[in-house]
N, C-alpha and C. Protein backbone atom coordinates (compact mmCIF):
# COMPACT_ATOMS: atom_id res chain seq x y z
N UNK A 1 136.82 97.51 99.62
CA UNK A 1 136.53 98.81 100.15
C UNK A 1 135.34 98.69 101.11
N UNK A 2 135.44 99.23 102.29
CA UNK A 2 134.36 99.13 103.26
C UNK A 2 133.38 100.29 103.10
N UNK A 3 132.13 100.02 103.51
CA UNK A 3 131.11 101.05 103.42
C UNK A 3 131.29 102.04 104.57
N UNK A 4 130.95 103.31 104.33
CA UNK A 4 131.08 104.29 105.41
C UNK A 4 130.09 103.99 106.53
N UNK A 5 130.54 104.22 107.74
CA UNK A 5 129.70 103.94 108.91
C UNK A 5 128.61 105.01 109.03
N UNK A 6 127.37 104.57 109.26
CA UNK A 6 126.26 105.51 109.38
C UNK A 6 126.11 105.92 110.83
N UNK A 7 125.94 107.22 111.05
CA UNK A 7 125.74 107.73 112.40
C UNK A 7 124.24 107.78 112.69
N UNK A 8 123.85 107.45 113.91
CA UNK A 8 122.44 107.53 114.24
C UNK A 8 121.96 108.98 114.23
N UNK A 9 120.78 109.17 113.75
CA UNK A 9 120.21 110.50 113.65
C UNK A 9 119.52 110.89 114.95
N UNK A 10 119.59 112.15 115.31
CA UNK A 10 118.90 112.64 116.50
C UNK A 10 117.40 112.77 116.28
N UNK A 11 116.99 113.02 115.06
CA UNK A 11 115.56 113.18 114.78
C UNK A 11 114.92 111.81 114.52
N UNK A 12 113.66 111.66 114.95
CA UNK A 12 112.98 110.39 114.72
C UNK A 12 112.69 110.19 113.23
N UNK A 13 112.52 108.95 112.86
CA UNK A 13 112.21 108.64 111.47
C UNK A 13 110.83 109.20 111.13
N UNK A 14 110.64 109.70 109.92
CA UNK A 14 109.34 110.23 109.54
C UNK A 14 108.29 109.12 109.55
N UNK A 15 107.09 109.47 109.97
CA UNK A 15 106.01 108.50 110.03
C UNK A 15 105.64 108.08 108.62
N UNK A 16 105.49 106.80 108.42
CA UNK A 16 105.08 106.30 107.11
C UNK A 16 103.57 106.35 107.01
N UNK A 17 103.10 106.75 105.86
CA UNK A 17 101.67 106.82 105.66
C UNK A 17 101.18 105.49 105.10
N UNK A 18 100.09 105.03 105.65
CA UNK A 18 99.48 103.81 105.16
C UNK A 18 98.67 104.18 103.93
N UNK A 19 98.78 103.42 102.85
CA UNK A 19 98.13 103.82 101.61
C UNK A 19 96.61 103.94 101.68
N UNK A 20 95.96 103.16 102.52
CA UNK A 20 94.50 103.18 102.54
C UNK A 20 93.91 103.73 103.83
N UNK A 21 94.71 103.96 104.83
CA UNK A 21 94.20 104.41 106.12
C UNK A 21 94.94 105.67 106.56
N UNK A 22 94.32 106.84 106.38
CA UNK A 22 95.01 108.07 106.76
C UNK A 22 95.23 108.20 108.27
N UNK A 23 94.50 107.43 109.08
CA UNK A 23 94.65 107.48 110.53
C UNK A 23 95.61 106.43 111.06
N UNK A 24 96.30 105.74 110.17
CA UNK A 24 97.23 104.70 110.58
C UNK A 24 98.28 105.29 111.51
N UNK A 25 98.39 104.71 112.70
CA UNK A 25 99.39 105.16 113.67
C UNK A 25 98.91 106.27 114.59
N UNK A 26 97.68 106.77 114.36
CA UNK A 26 97.12 107.82 115.22
C UNK A 26 96.14 107.15 116.17
N UNK A 27 96.37 107.29 117.47
CA UNK A 27 95.50 106.63 118.43
C UNK A 27 94.19 107.38 118.58
N UNK A 28 93.17 106.67 119.03
CA UNK A 28 91.88 107.29 119.28
C UNK A 28 92.01 108.38 120.35
N UNK A 29 92.87 108.16 121.32
CA UNK A 29 93.09 109.15 122.37
C UNK A 29 93.66 110.45 121.78
N UNK A 30 94.59 110.33 120.85
CA UNK A 30 95.16 111.50 120.19
C UNK A 30 94.09 112.24 119.40
N UNK A 31 93.27 111.49 118.68
CA UNK A 31 92.19 112.08 117.90
C UNK A 31 91.27 112.87 118.82
N UNK A 32 90.85 112.24 119.90
CA UNK A 32 89.91 112.85 120.84
C UNK A 32 90.51 114.10 121.50
N UNK A 33 91.73 113.99 122.00
CA UNK A 33 92.36 115.13 122.67
C UNK A 33 92.59 116.30 121.72
N UNK A 34 92.91 116.02 120.48
CA UNK A 34 93.11 117.08 119.49
C UNK A 34 91.80 117.82 119.22
N UNK A 35 90.71 117.06 119.04
CA UNK A 35 89.42 117.70 118.79
C UNK A 35 88.94 118.49 120.01
N UNK A 36 89.16 117.96 121.20
CA UNK A 36 88.76 118.67 122.42
C UNK A 36 89.55 119.97 122.55
N UNK A 37 90.84 119.92 122.28
CA UNK A 37 91.67 121.12 122.38
C UNK A 37 91.24 122.18 121.37
N UNK A 38 90.84 121.75 120.20
CA UNK A 38 90.47 122.69 119.15
C UNK A 38 89.04 123.22 119.32
N UNK A 39 88.11 122.35 119.72
CA UNK A 39 86.69 122.72 119.72
C UNK A 39 86.05 122.77 121.10
N UNK A 40 86.55 121.99 122.03
CA UNK A 40 85.92 121.92 123.35
C UNK A 40 84.77 120.92 123.35
N UNK A 41 84.42 120.48 124.55
CA UNK A 41 83.38 119.45 124.69
C UNK A 41 82.02 119.93 124.21
N UNK A 42 81.70 121.20 124.47
CA UNK A 42 80.38 121.71 124.11
C UNK A 42 80.13 121.64 122.61
N UNK A 43 81.09 122.11 121.83
CA UNK A 43 80.95 122.05 120.38
C UNK A 43 80.95 120.61 119.88
N UNK A 44 81.76 119.77 120.49
CA UNK A 44 81.77 118.36 120.08
C UNK A 44 80.41 117.73 120.34
N UNK A 45 79.78 118.08 121.46
CA UNK A 45 78.45 117.57 121.77
C UNK A 45 77.39 118.05 120.81
N UNK A 46 77.55 119.26 120.29
CA UNK A 46 76.60 119.75 119.29
C UNK A 46 76.81 119.05 117.95
N UNK A 47 78.07 118.82 117.60
CA UNK A 47 78.39 118.20 116.30
C UNK A 47 78.04 116.71 116.30
N UNK A 48 78.39 116.03 117.39
CA UNK A 48 78.08 114.60 117.54
C UNK A 48 77.36 114.46 118.88
N UNK A 49 76.03 114.48 118.88
CA UNK A 49 75.29 114.51 120.15
C UNK A 49 75.24 113.14 120.86
N UNK A 50 76.30 112.85 121.57
CA UNK A 50 76.35 111.62 122.38
C UNK A 50 76.58 112.01 123.84
N UNK A 51 76.06 111.22 124.74
CA UNK A 51 76.07 111.56 126.18
C UNK A 51 77.47 111.82 126.72
N UNK A 52 78.44 111.06 126.27
CA UNK A 52 79.79 111.22 126.83
C UNK A 52 80.41 112.56 126.45
N UNK A 53 79.86 113.26 125.45
CA UNK A 53 80.32 114.60 125.10
C UNK A 53 79.46 115.67 125.78
N UNK A 54 78.22 115.31 126.12
CA UNK A 54 77.26 116.29 126.62
C UNK A 54 77.19 116.40 128.14
N UNK A 55 77.28 115.28 128.84
CA UNK A 55 77.08 115.25 130.29
C UNK A 55 78.34 114.78 130.99
N UNK A 56 78.95 115.64 131.77
CA UNK A 56 80.18 115.35 132.49
C UNK A 56 81.24 114.69 131.58
N UNK A 57 81.62 115.39 130.52
CA UNK A 57 82.56 114.78 129.56
C UNK A 57 83.95 114.60 130.14
N UNK A 58 84.57 113.51 129.75
CA UNK A 58 85.97 113.26 130.08
C UNK A 58 86.58 112.41 128.98
N UNK A 59 87.87 112.47 128.87
CA UNK A 59 88.56 111.68 127.86
C UNK A 59 88.34 110.19 128.14
N UNK A 60 88.43 109.79 129.40
CA UNK A 60 88.31 108.37 129.75
C UNK A 60 86.92 107.82 129.38
N UNK A 61 85.86 108.52 129.77
CA UNK A 61 84.51 108.01 129.47
C UNK A 61 84.25 108.02 127.96
N UNK A 62 84.77 109.03 127.28
CA UNK A 62 84.57 109.11 125.83
C UNK A 62 85.32 107.99 125.11
N UNK A 63 86.54 107.71 125.54
CA UNK A 63 87.30 106.61 124.92
C UNK A 63 86.59 105.28 125.13
N UNK A 64 86.06 105.05 126.33
CA UNK A 64 85.34 103.81 126.62
C UNK A 64 84.15 103.67 125.68
N UNK A 65 83.35 104.74 125.57
CA UNK A 65 82.17 104.69 124.71
C UNK A 65 82.56 104.52 123.24
N UNK A 66 83.51 105.29 122.77
CA UNK A 66 83.88 105.24 121.35
C UNK A 66 84.47 103.89 120.96
N UNK A 67 85.18 103.24 121.87
CA UNK A 67 85.75 101.93 121.55
C UNK A 67 84.67 100.85 121.45
N UNK A 68 83.55 101.06 122.12
CA UNK A 68 82.46 100.08 122.10
C UNK A 68 81.39 100.41 121.07
N UNK A 69 81.45 101.59 120.45
CA UNK A 69 80.39 102.05 119.57
C UNK A 69 80.97 102.46 118.22
N UNK A 70 80.98 101.53 117.27
CA UNK A 70 81.65 101.79 115.98
C UNK A 70 81.11 103.00 115.21
N UNK A 71 79.80 103.23 115.22
CA UNK A 71 79.26 104.35 114.44
C UNK A 71 79.74 105.70 115.01
N UNK A 72 79.83 105.79 116.34
CA UNK A 72 80.28 107.03 116.97
C UNK A 72 81.77 107.24 116.72
N UNK A 73 82.53 106.18 116.84
CA UNK A 73 83.98 106.27 116.59
C UNK A 73 84.24 106.71 115.16
N UNK A 74 83.47 106.17 114.22
CA UNK A 74 83.64 106.52 112.82
C UNK A 74 83.37 108.01 112.60
N UNK A 75 82.33 108.55 113.23
CA UNK A 75 82.03 109.98 113.09
C UNK A 75 83.17 110.84 113.63
N UNK A 76 83.70 110.47 114.78
CA UNK A 76 84.80 111.23 115.38
C UNK A 76 86.04 111.16 114.49
N UNK A 77 86.37 109.97 114.01
CA UNK A 77 87.56 109.81 113.16
C UNK A 77 87.40 110.55 111.84
N UNK A 78 86.18 110.53 111.26
CA UNK A 78 85.95 111.26 110.01
C UNK A 78 86.08 112.77 110.23
N UNK A 79 85.58 113.25 111.36
CA UNK A 79 85.69 114.67 111.68
C UNK A 79 87.17 115.06 111.79
N UNK A 80 87.94 114.26 112.51
CA UNK A 80 89.37 114.51 112.68
C UNK A 80 90.09 114.49 111.33
N UNK A 81 89.84 113.45 110.55
CA UNK A 81 90.53 113.32 109.26
C UNK A 81 90.17 114.48 108.34
N UNK A 82 88.90 114.85 108.31
CA UNK A 82 88.46 115.92 107.42
C UNK A 82 88.96 117.29 107.83
N UNK A 83 89.18 117.49 109.10
CA UNK A 83 89.55 118.81 109.57
C UNK A 83 91.04 118.96 109.89
N UNK A 84 91.64 117.93 110.46
CA UNK A 84 93.03 118.02 110.90
C UNK A 84 94.00 117.48 109.83
N UNK A 85 93.73 116.29 109.33
CA UNK A 85 94.64 115.70 108.36
C UNK A 85 94.50 116.31 106.97
N UNK A 86 93.27 116.60 106.57
CA UNK A 86 93.00 117.14 105.24
C UNK A 86 92.15 118.40 105.39
N UNK A 87 92.74 119.49 105.88
CA UNK A 87 91.95 120.70 106.09
C UNK A 87 91.42 121.24 104.78
N UNK A 88 90.22 121.84 104.82
CA UNK A 88 89.65 122.39 103.59
C UNK A 88 90.54 123.51 103.04
N UNK A 89 90.69 123.52 101.76
CA UNK A 89 91.52 124.52 101.10
C UNK A 89 90.71 125.79 100.92
N UNK A 90 91.26 126.91 101.34
CA UNK A 90 90.59 128.19 101.12
C UNK A 90 90.89 128.64 99.70
N UNK A 91 89.86 129.20 99.06
CA UNK A 91 90.06 129.67 97.70
C UNK A 91 90.93 130.90 97.71
N UNK A 92 91.90 130.93 96.84
CA UNK A 92 92.77 132.10 96.76
C UNK A 92 92.05 133.20 95.99
N UNK A 93 92.22 134.42 96.48
CA UNK A 93 91.56 135.54 95.82
C UNK A 93 92.25 135.84 94.51
N UNK A 94 91.44 136.17 93.53
CA UNK A 94 91.99 136.43 92.20
C UNK A 94 92.32 137.88 92.02
């Protein structure tokens, strides 16, 4: 008896989560653009006071700086993970 033929699905396969890295598969550019869209450069500069967010900010200059500066990249990734991937739960009213 032959196995039934599988048809290709139109929807992409669901992203697999890496057990220890919640940002697995998420690019730094995606992280940065998401935060900029949600908060804007001004708020990002207040939260993480680095020159690439404060003076003539751009995605390109910020990516260059963050790729060369591990402590700054870590702060940005932690902000993204804490707010976008694992948003704080609001307490339900009793």
